[in-house]
Amino acid sequence: MIRFLSNFQRLRRDSRGGVFIEYLLLCTIVGIGVIVGLATLKEALIGELNDLAQAVGAIICPPGSGGG
């Protein structure tokens, strides 16, 4: 127990690990933001492409034209 407390006190005075933890936290937050942004972009792109496909389909095969 004494050894644990002395190691804990030494770690509190050491600041080298703190900078690494801050960079790790920053990269994690940025990574999560990128993932969420790409997921949102994917959904928007799929919606736009579906709209485009319906518009092209309406030009090629207008409703009521017999289908083909």
Protein backbone atom coordinates (compact mmCIF):
# COMPACT_ATOMS: atom_id res chain seq x y z
CA MET A 1 0.00 0.00 0.00
CA ILE A 2 2.86 2.37 0.80
CA ARG A 3 4.44 1.61 -2.55
CA PHE A 4 1.16 2.38 -4.35
CA LEU A 5 0.84 5.73 -2.59
CA SER A 6 4.42 6.70 -3.40
CA ASN A 7 3.88 5.78 -7.05
CA PHE A 8 0.65 7.77 -7.07
CA GLN A 9 2.40 10.84 -5.66
CA ARG A 10 5.15 10.51 -8.26
CA LEU A 11 2.59 10.28 -11.08
CA ARG A 12 0.80 13.39 -9.82
CA ARG A 13 4.02 15.40 -10.11
CA ASP A 14 4.90 14.01 -13.56
CA SER A 15 3.27 16.03 -16.36
CA ARG A 16 4.55 14.10 -19.39
CA GLY A 17 1.59 11.74 -19.45
CA GLY A 18 -0.90 14.59 -19.17
CA VAL A 19 -0.01 16.00 -22.58
CA PHE A 20 -0.43 12.57 -24.16
CA ILE A 21 -3.83 12.13 -22.53
CA GLU A 22 -4.94 15.56 -23.77
CA TYR A 23 -3.89 14.74 -27.35
CA LEU A 24 -5.59 11.35 -27.10
CA LEU A 25 -8.82 12.96 -25.91
CA LEU A 26 -8.65 15.58 -28.65
CA CYS A 27 -8.09 12.97 -31.36
CA THR A 28 -10.95 10.86 -29.98
CA ILE A 29 -13.38 13.79 -30.07
CA VAL A 30 -12.29 14.76 -33.60
CA GLY A 31 -12.60 11.14 -34.73
CA ILE A 32 -16.12 10.85 -33.37
CA GLY A 33 -17.03 14.10 -35.12
CA VAL A 34 -15.66 12.83 -38.43
CA ILE A 35 -17.61 9.57 -38.13
CA VAL A 36 -20.86 11.38 -37.34
CA GLY A 37 -20.29 13.85 -40.17
CA LEU A 38 -19.60 11.11 -42.70
CA ALA A 39 -22.70 9.19 -41.62
CA THR A 40 -24.81 12.32 -42.07
CA LEU A 41 -23.22 13.01 -45.45
CA LYS A 42 -23.93 9.43 -46.55
CA GLU A 43 -27.62 9.73 -45.69
CA ALA A 44 -27.94 13.07 -47.51
CA LEU A 45 -26.12 11.72 -50.58
CA ILE A 46 -28.33 8.63 -50.74
CA GLY A 47 -31.42 10.83 -50.53
CA GLU A 48 -30.22 13.08 -53.36
CA LEU A 49 -29.30 10.13 -55.56
CA ASN A 50 -32.72 8.56 -54.98
CA ASP A 51 -34.37 11.84 -55.98
CA LEU A 52 -32.22 11.96 -59.11
CA ALA A 53 -33.09 8.37 -59.99
CA GLN A 54 -36.81 9.10 -59.65
CA ALA A 55 -36.50 12.21 -61.82
CA VAL A 56 -34.64 10.34 -64.55
CA GLY A 57 -37.15 7.50 -64.32
CA ALA A 58 -40.02 9.97 -64.75
CA ILE A 59 -38.40 11.40 -67.89
CA ILE A 60 -37.72 8.01 -69.49
CA CYS A 61 -40.97 6.29 -68.46
CA PRO A 62 -43.70 8.82 -67.70
CA PRO A 63 -46.55 7.49 -65.55
CA GLY A 64 -49.36 6.02 -67.63
CA SER A 65 -47.20 5.42 -70.71
CA GLY A 66 -47.50 1.67 -70.62
CA GLY A 67 -44.19 1.01 -68.83
CA GLY A 68 -41.94 0.11 -71.63
